[in-house]
């Protein structure tokens, strides 16, 4: 595998407690974008949910387009766009537009999602979601070529049409996956697997073997990037890091359990457990040295070369999130970047 530069980015999903002043929340989130930019981080990502009930957040397209004005040269991406729920023509044109807004620095992160309420809201039977996902991805990619596209699907009919709204540079497709079957699908269809922050290290390492084997069997070329998402909080002492992160991380994963996120993980993994058990082998919470001890094996042993770090959760005071982000940018990111893959 050729050497690849290591990049470090931030995940700002913009989730807020329901009912919070959206203008105040937007100003705070933009301040974190500027902190990441000024700290020299490489990328910023946002996710998507519909009808999140416990949280509120701006949908990723307007949020990413707004933060692009503050992001400098950072790459900007979705982590993830719920591709099966949306019309592929609208998706292709909208995310081509985002790529133009970002100057060709966008990443198209996609996934199936798992919440039944979202599929019900869009009138999509859960049994149809894999087909819709696969076909929608095909249509988006073909439209981005500018060549004639054909589709005869119940939700999209195209008879040799060409898209004229094209990306500046074709965005790479980062595919999220939790279950073993989804990991294999990511190997066949995605440009890479956007490794989720929810599974334990042992599960991810096992699934990476599946991913690489499936990719080789499909005749796919070598990876150009392997991204990893992690929940992380960095503070001068381990005690302080746990004190500040624990209530917000615990609350976040209680909501994930209510949403059924853990039901799509393999084996018997569950989020309905105490914080200490939940955090073990999942969360990175501690000093810069603790964070590096947890992250460097991903780089050196697994081959991760793009870390996407979430250090801000609903309800966390923005000053606490900023303090962690500054410490990560100053003391953790440079060490991670010192190696290549």
Protein backbone atom coordinates (compact mmCIF):
# COMPACT_ATOMS: atom_id res chain seq x y z
CA UNK A 1 0.00 0.00 0.00
CA UNK A 2 1.43 3.37 -0.99
CA UNK A 3 2.02 5.93 1.70
CA UNK A 4 -0.95 8.24 2.21
CA UNK A 5 -1.08 11.40 4.31
CA UNK A 6 -3.00 11.16 7.58
CA UNK A 7 -5.83 13.66 8.00
CA UNK A 8 -7.77 14.69 11.07
CA UNK A 9 -11.25 16.21 10.91
CA UNK A 10 -14.21 17.03 13.11
CA UNK A 11 -17.82 15.85 13.06
CA UNK A 12 -20.30 18.65 13.82
CA UNK A 13 -23.74 17.18 13.39
CA UNK A 14 -25.37 20.31 14.85
CA UNK A 15 -27.63 18.27 17.15
CA UNK A 16 -29.21 20.42 19.85
CA UNK A 17 -31.75 19.84 22.62
CA UNK A 18 -35.22 20.21 21.16
CA UNK A 19 -36.55 23.74 21.62
CA UNK A 20 -33.16 25.44 21.90
CA UNK A 21 -32.80 28.83 20.19
CA UNK A 22 -31.64 27.83 16.67
CA UNK A 23 -29.84 31.12 16.00
CA UNK A 24 -27.77 30.81 19.17
CA UNK A 25 -27.00 27.19 18.32
CA UNK A 26 -25.96 28.11 14.78
CA UNK A 27 -23.60 30.82 16.01
CA UNK A 28 -22.00 28.38 18.46
CA UNK A 29 -21.55 25.67 15.85
CA UNK A 30 -20.00 28.11 13.41
CA UNK A 31 -17.56 29.16 16.13
CA UNK A 32 -16.47 25.51 16.36
CA UNK A 33 -15.95 25.40 12.59
CA UNK A 34 -13.64 28.41 12.91
CA UNK A 35 -11.82 26.75 15.81
CA UNK A 36 -11.23 23.65 13.69
CA UNK A 37 -10.12 25.76 10.73
CA UNK A 38 -7.76 27.92 12.77
CA UNK A 39 -6.37 24.82 14.47
CA UNK A 40 -5.41 23.40 11.09
CA UNK A 41 -7.83 20.47 10.99
CA UNK A 42 -8.45 18.91 7.62
CA UNK A 43 -12.18 18.28 7.33
CA UNK A 44 -15.63 18.84 8.79
CA UNK A 45 -18.59 16.46 8.50
CA UNK A 46 -22.29 16.58 9.36
CA UNK A 47 -24.94 13.88 9.60
CA UNK A 48 -28.62 13.52 8.79
CA UNK A 49 -31.73 12.45 10.62
CA UNK A 50 -35.38 13.26 10.02
CA UNK A 51 -37.89 13.76 12.85
CA UNK A 52 -35.22 13.25 15.53
CA UNK A 53 -37.70 13.92 18.38
CA UNK A 54 -35.18 14.24 21.22
CA UNK A 55 -32.91 16.57 19.24
CA UNK A 56 -33.17 19.24 16.61
CA UNK A 57 -30.63 19.98 13.92
CA UNK A 58 -30.35 21.73 10.58
CA UNK A 59 -30.35 19.33 7.63
CA UNK A 60 -26.85 18.77 6.24
CA UNK A 61 -27.14 20.58 2.91
CA UNK A 62 -27.94 24.06 4.25
CA UNK A 63 -25.64 23.50 7.23
CA UNK A 64 -22.66 22.39 5.13
CA UNK A 65 -23.22 25.12 2.56
CA UNK A 66 -23.24 27.73 5.35
CA UNK A 67 -20.18 26.40 7.13
CA UNK A 68 -18.27 26.18 3.82
CA UNK A 69 -17.95 29.97 4.01
CA UNK A 70 -16.06 29.57 7.31
CA UNK A 71 -14.11 26.39 6.59
CA UNK A 72 -11.14 27.66 4.62
CA UNK A 73 -9.50 24.77 2.79
CA UNK A 74 -11.08 22.00 4.86
CA UNK A 75 -12.85 19.15 3.09
CA UNK A 76 -16.60 19.10 3.75
CA UNK A 77 -18.77 16.02 3.80
CA UNK A 78 -21.86 14.18 4.91
CA UNK A 79 -21.63 11.49 7.48
CA UNK A 80 -24.19 10.46 6.26
CA UNK A 81 -26.87 11.30 3.67
CA UNK A 82 -29.80 8.87 3.95
CA UNK A 83 -29.71 7.97 0.29
CA UNK A 84 -32.58 5.48 0.16
CA UNK A 85 -35.05 8.06 1.47
CA UNK A 86 -34.41 10.69 -1.19
CA UNK A 87 -34.94 11.06 -4.91
CA UNK A 88 -31.65 10.38 -6.70
CA UNK A 89 -32.03 13.28 -9.16
CA UNK A 90 -32.50 15.76 -6.33
CA UNK A 91 -29.60 14.17 -4.47
CA UNK A 92 -27.28 14.28 -7.50
CA UNK A 93 -28.03 17.91 -8.30
CA UNK A 94 -27.97 19.09 -4.68
CA UNK A 95 -24.68 17.45 -3.79
CA UNK A 96 -23.13 18.48 -7.09
CA UNK A 97 -24.04 22.02 -6.05
CA UNK A 98 -22.44 21.48 -2.65
CA UNK A 99 -19.26 20.32 -4.36
CA UNK A 100 -19.19 23.55 -6.36
CA UNK A 101 -19.77 25.61 -3.21
CA UNK A 102 -16.85 23.83 -1.51
CA UNK A 103 -14.53 24.28 -4.45
CA UNK A 104 -14.42 20.57 -5.26
CA UNK A 105 -13.57 19.51 -1.70
CA UNK A 106 -16.74 17.59 -0.82
CA UNK A 107 -17.15 14.01 0.37
CA UNK A 108 -20.41 12.18 -0.34
CA UNK A 109 -21.03 10.01 2.70
CA UNK A 110 -24.07 7.74 2.38
CA UNK A 111 -25.83 5.04 4.34
CA UNK A 112 -29.10 3.20 4.82
CA UNK A 113 -30.08 4.53 8.21
CA UNK A 114 -31.97 2.41 10.69
CA UNK A 115 -34.90 4.38 12.14
CA UNK A 116 -38.32 3.03 11.21
CA UNK A 117 -39.95 6.42 11.74
CA UNK A 118 -37.85 7.91 8.92
CA UNK A 119 -38.82 5.23 6.41
CA UNK A 120 -42.48 5.49 7.45
CA UNK A 121 -42.39 9.28 7.02
CA UNK A 122 -41.17 8.89 3.42
CA UNK A 123 -43.61 6.09 2.68
CA UNK A 124 -40.88 3.52 2.02
CA UNK A 125 -41.31 -0.10 3.17
CA UNK A 126 -38.20 -1.17 5.10
CA UNK A 127 -37.89 -4.21 2.83
CA UNK A 128 -37.29 -1.92 -0.15
CA UNK A 129 -34.48 0.11 1.35
CA UNK A 130 -31.48 -1.87 0.09
CA UNK A 131 -32.76 -1.87 -3.49
CA UNK A 132 -33.57 1.84 -3.32
CA UNK A 133 -30.15 2.58 -1.84
CA UNK A 134 -28.30 0.62 -4.50
CA UNK A 135 -30.29 2.01 -7.42
CA UNK A 136 -30.15 5.57 -6.12
CA UNK A 137 -26.38 5.37 -5.82
CA UNK A 138 -26.13 4.10 -9.39
CA UNK A 139 -28.31 6.94 -10.69
CA UNK A 140 -26.40 9.61 -8.75
CA UNK A 141 -23.05 8.39 -10.02
CA UNK A 142 -24.26 8.16 -13.61
CA UNK A 143 -25.81 11.63 -13.50
CA UNK A 144 -22.50 13.04 -12.24
CA UNK A 145 -20.80 11.82 -15.44
CA UNK A 146 -22.90 14.15 -17.59
CA UNK A 147 -23.72 11.22 -19.88
CA UNK A 148 -27.26 9.99 -20.74
CA UNK A 149 -28.89 8.13 -17.84
CA UNK A 150 -31.69 5.59 -17.94
CA UNK A 151 -33.80 4.42 -15.04
CA UNK A 152 -37.17 2.68 -14.93
CA UNK A 153 -37.91 2.55 -11.24
CA UNK A 154 -41.18 3.06 -9.36
CA UNK A 155 -39.72 6.22 -7.77
CA UNK A 156 -37.57 7.55 -10.64
CA UNK A 157 -37.91 7.33 -14.43
CA UNK A 158 -35.18 8.69 -16.68
CA UNK A 159 -35.07 8.22 -20.45
CA UNK A 160 -31.58 9.16 -21.56
CA UNK A 161 -31.47 12.45 -19.69
CA UNK A 162 -28.24 14.30 -18.92
CA UNK A 163 -27.53 16.30 -15.79
CA UNK A 164 -26.11 19.76 -16.38
CA UNK A 165 -25.45 20.50 -12.70
CA UNK A 166 -22.21 18.59 -12.21
CA UNK A 167 -19.70 18.48 -9.39
CA UNK A 168 -16.40 20.27 -9.80
CA UNK A 169 -14.63 17.02 -8.97
CA UNK A 170 -16.53 13.76 -8.53
CA UNK A 171 -16.92 13.40 -4.75
CA UNK A 172 -15.66 10.15 -3.23
CA UNK A 173 -18.41 7.92 -1.87
CA UNK A 174 -17.81 7.05 1.79
CA UNK A 175 -20.30 4.37 2.81
CA UNK A 176 -21.42 3.87 6.39
CA UNK A 177 -22.09 0.33 7.59
CA UNK A 178 -22.86 -1.35 10.90
CA UNK A 179 -23.90 -4.94 10.16
CA UNK A 180 -21.66 -7.49 8.47
CA UNK A 181 -23.87 -7.46 5.37
CA UNK A 182 -23.68 -3.68 5.14
CA UNK A 183 -19.88 -3.80 5.48
CA UNK A 184 -19.70 -6.21 2.55
CA UNK A 185 -21.99 -3.93 0.53
CA UNK A 186 -19.71 -0.98 1.32
CA UNK A 187 -16.77 -2.99 0.01
CA UNK A 188 -18.55 -3.65 -3.28
CA UNK A 189 -20.19 -0.27 -3.86
CA UNK A 190 -18.34 2.40 -1.91
CA UNK A 191 -15.00 4.06 -2.49
CA UNK A 192 -14.33 3.30 1.16
CA UNK A 193 -16.02 2.31 4.42
CA UNK A 194 -16.75 5.18 6.80
CA UNK A 195 -16.09 3.22 9.99
CA UNK A 196 -18.75 3.98 12.57
CA UNK A 197 -18.07 5.23 16.11
CA UNK A 198 -20.56 2.87 17.74
CA UNK A 199 -18.98 -0.58 17.44
CA UNK A 200 -16.19 -1.83 19.67
CA UNK A 201 -12.64 -1.98 18.39
CA UNK A 202 -12.77 -5.77 18.29
CA UNK A 203 -15.89 -5.72 16.12
CA UNK A 204 -14.42 -3.16 13.71
CA UNK A 205 -11.18 -5.11 13.32
CA UNK A 206 -13.13 -8.27 12.49
CA UNK A 207 -15.34 -6.43 10.04
CA UNK A 208 -12.34 -4.87 8.31
CA UNK A 209 -11.22 -8.37 7.39
CA UNK A 210 -14.66 -8.92 5.82
CA UNK A 211 -14.43 -5.57 4.04
CA UNK A 212 -11.01 -6.20 2.50
CA UNK A 213 -11.91 -9.76 1.47
CA UNK A 214 -15.16 -8.66 -0.18
CA UNK A 215 -13.43 -5.78 -1.93
CA UNK A 216 -10.78 -8.09 -3.32
CA UNK A 217 -13.41 -10.61 -4.45
CA UNK A 218 -15.25 -7.81 -6.28
CA UNK A 219 -12.07 -6.82 -8.11
CA UNK A 220 -11.97 -3.37 -6.56
CA UNK A 221 -8.70 -1.48 -6.60
CA UNK A 222 -6.68 -0.46 -3.57
CA UNK A 223 -8.21 2.01 -1.12
CA UNK A 224 -7.15 5.61 -1.40
CA UNK A 225 -8.51 6.48 2.05
CA UNK A 226 -9.76 4.69 5.18
CA UNK A 227 -11.79 6.97 7.49
CA UNK A 228 -12.71 6.29 11.10
CA UNK A 229 -15.23 8.14 13.24
CA UNK A 230 -14.69 8.23 17.03
CA UNK A 231 -16.40 9.84 19.99
CA UNK A 232 -13.64 11.73 21.80
CA UNK A 233 -13.11 14.27 24.54
CA UNK A 234 -9.71 15.69 25.43
CA UNK A 235 -8.84 17.62 28.61
CA UNK A 236 -5.69 18.31 30.67
CA UNK A 237 -6.59 15.48 33.09
CA UNK A 238 -8.46 12.22 32.63
CA UNK A 239 -10.78 13.07 35.52
CA UNK A 240 -11.75 16.39 33.99
CA UNK A 241 -12.35 14.79 30.59
CA UNK A 242 -14.69 12.17 32.08
CA UNK A 243 -16.49 14.80 34.18
CA UNK A 244 -17.25 16.96 31.13
CA UNK A 245 -17.97 14.26 28.55
CA UNK A 246 -19.81 11.59 30.51
CA UNK A 247 -23.25 13.19 30.94
CA UNK A 248 -23.52 14.20 27.29
CA UNK A 249 -22.16 10.97 25.83
CA UNK A 250 -24.36 8.89 28.13
CA UNK A 251 -27.41 10.93 27.11
CA UNK A 252 -26.53 10.63 23.43
CA UNK A 253 -26.34 6.85 23.57
CA UNK A 254 -29.54 6.56 25.58
CA UNK A 255 -31.23 8.23 22.61
CA UNK A 256 -29.40 5.92 20.20
CA UNK A 257 -30.75 2.95 22.18
CA UNK A 258 -34.29 4.38 21.96
CA UNK A 259 -33.81 4.82 18.20
CA UNK A 260 -32.61 1.22 17.79
CA UNK A 261 -29.10 2.05 16.60
CA UNK A 262 -27.60 -0.90 18.47
CA UNK A 263 -30.01 -3.34 16.84
CA UNK A 264 -28.09 -3.02 13.55
CA UNK A 265 -24.77 -3.83 15.19
CA UNK A 266 -23.54 -7.43 14.95
CA UNK A 267 -23.61 -9.92 17.79
CA UNK A 268 -25.01 -8.98 21.17
CA UNK A 269 -23.74 -5.40 21.36
CA UNK A 270 -26.15 -3.12 23.20
CA UNK A 271 -26.24 0.50 24.29
CA UNK A 272 -28.54 -0.31 27.24
CA UNK A 273 -25.77 -0.62 29.77
CA UNK A 274 -23.87 1.58 32.21
CA UNK A 275 -21.57 4.32 30.99
CA UNK A 276 -18.35 2.55 31.98
CA UNK A 277 -19.27 -0.58 30.04
CA UNK A 278 -20.51 1.48 27.10
CA UNK A 279 -17.34 3.59 27.00
CA UNK A 280 -14.96 0.63 27.15
CA UNK A 281 -13.37 0.02 23.74
CA UNK A 282 -15.62 2.69 22.15
CA UNK A 283 -15.10 6.19 23.50
CA UNK A 284 -11.80 8.06 23.71
CA UNK A 285 -11.94 10.26 26.81
CA UNK A 286 -8.86 11.56 28.58
CA UNK A 287 -5.65 13.53 28.24
CA UNK A 288 -3.85 14.09 24.94
CA UNK A 289 -1.64 11.14 25.84
CA UNK A 290 -4.73 8.98 26.48
CA UNK A 291 -6.23 10.02 23.17
CA UNK A 292 -3.06 9.20 21.26
CA UNK A 293 -2.74 5.85 22.99
CA UNK A 294 -6.24 5.00 21.75
CA UNK A 295 -5.93 6.44 18.23
CA UNK A 296 -2.39 5.56 17.14
CA UNK A 297 -3.10 1.80 16.88
CA UNK A 298 -5.87 2.60 14.39
CA UNK A 299 -3.28 4.35 12.24
CA UNK A 300 -0.36 1.98 12.72
CA UNK A 301 -2.10 -1.42 12.93
CA UNK A 302 -5.36 -0.98 11.03
CA UNK A 303 -4.45 1.53 8.32
CA UNK A 304 -6.81 4.39 9.19
CA UNK A 305 -5.65 7.60 7.55
CA UNK A 306 -8.58 9.96 8.10
CA UNK A 307 -9.83 10.46 11.66
CA UNK A 308 -13.25 12.13 11.97
CA UNK A 309 -13.64 13.09 15.63
CA UNK A 310 -16.84 14.10 17.39
CA UNK A 311 -16.17 16.10 20.55
CA UNK A 312 -19.46 17.99 20.83
CA UNK A 313 -22.82 16.52 21.83
CA UNK A 314 -26.29 17.93 22.42
CA UNK A 315 -26.39 19.98 25.60
CA UNK A 316 -22.62 20.38 26.01
CA UNK A 317 -21.62 24.01 26.65
CA UNK A 318 -19.82 25.31 23.59
CA UNK A 319 -16.84 26.40 25.69
CA UNK A 320 -16.26 22.81 26.79
CA UNK A 321 -16.47 21.56 23.20
CA UNK A 322 -14.08 24.27 22.05
CA UNK A 323 -11.55 23.47 24.76
CA UNK A 324 -11.44 19.81 23.69
CA UNK A 325 -11.26 20.74 20.00
CA UNK A 326 -8.36 23.13 20.60
CA UNK A 327 -6.43 20.53 22.56
CA UNK A 328 -7.03 17.89 19.89
CA UNK A 329 -5.86 20.26 17.16
CA UNK A 330 -2.79 21.37 19.10
CA UNK A 331 -1.54 18.16 20.71
CA UNK A 332 -3.20 15.13 19.09
CA UNK A 333 -3.62 15.89 15.38
CA UNK A 334 0.07 16.74 14.74
CA UNK A 335 1.19 13.39 16.18
CA UNK A 336 -1.37 11.47 14.15
CA UNK A 337 -0.24 13.27 11.02
CA UNK A 338 3.43 12.50 11.70
CA UNK A 339 2.90 9.02 10.26
CA UNK A 340 1.75 8.04 6.79
CA UNK A 341 -0.19 5.05 5.58
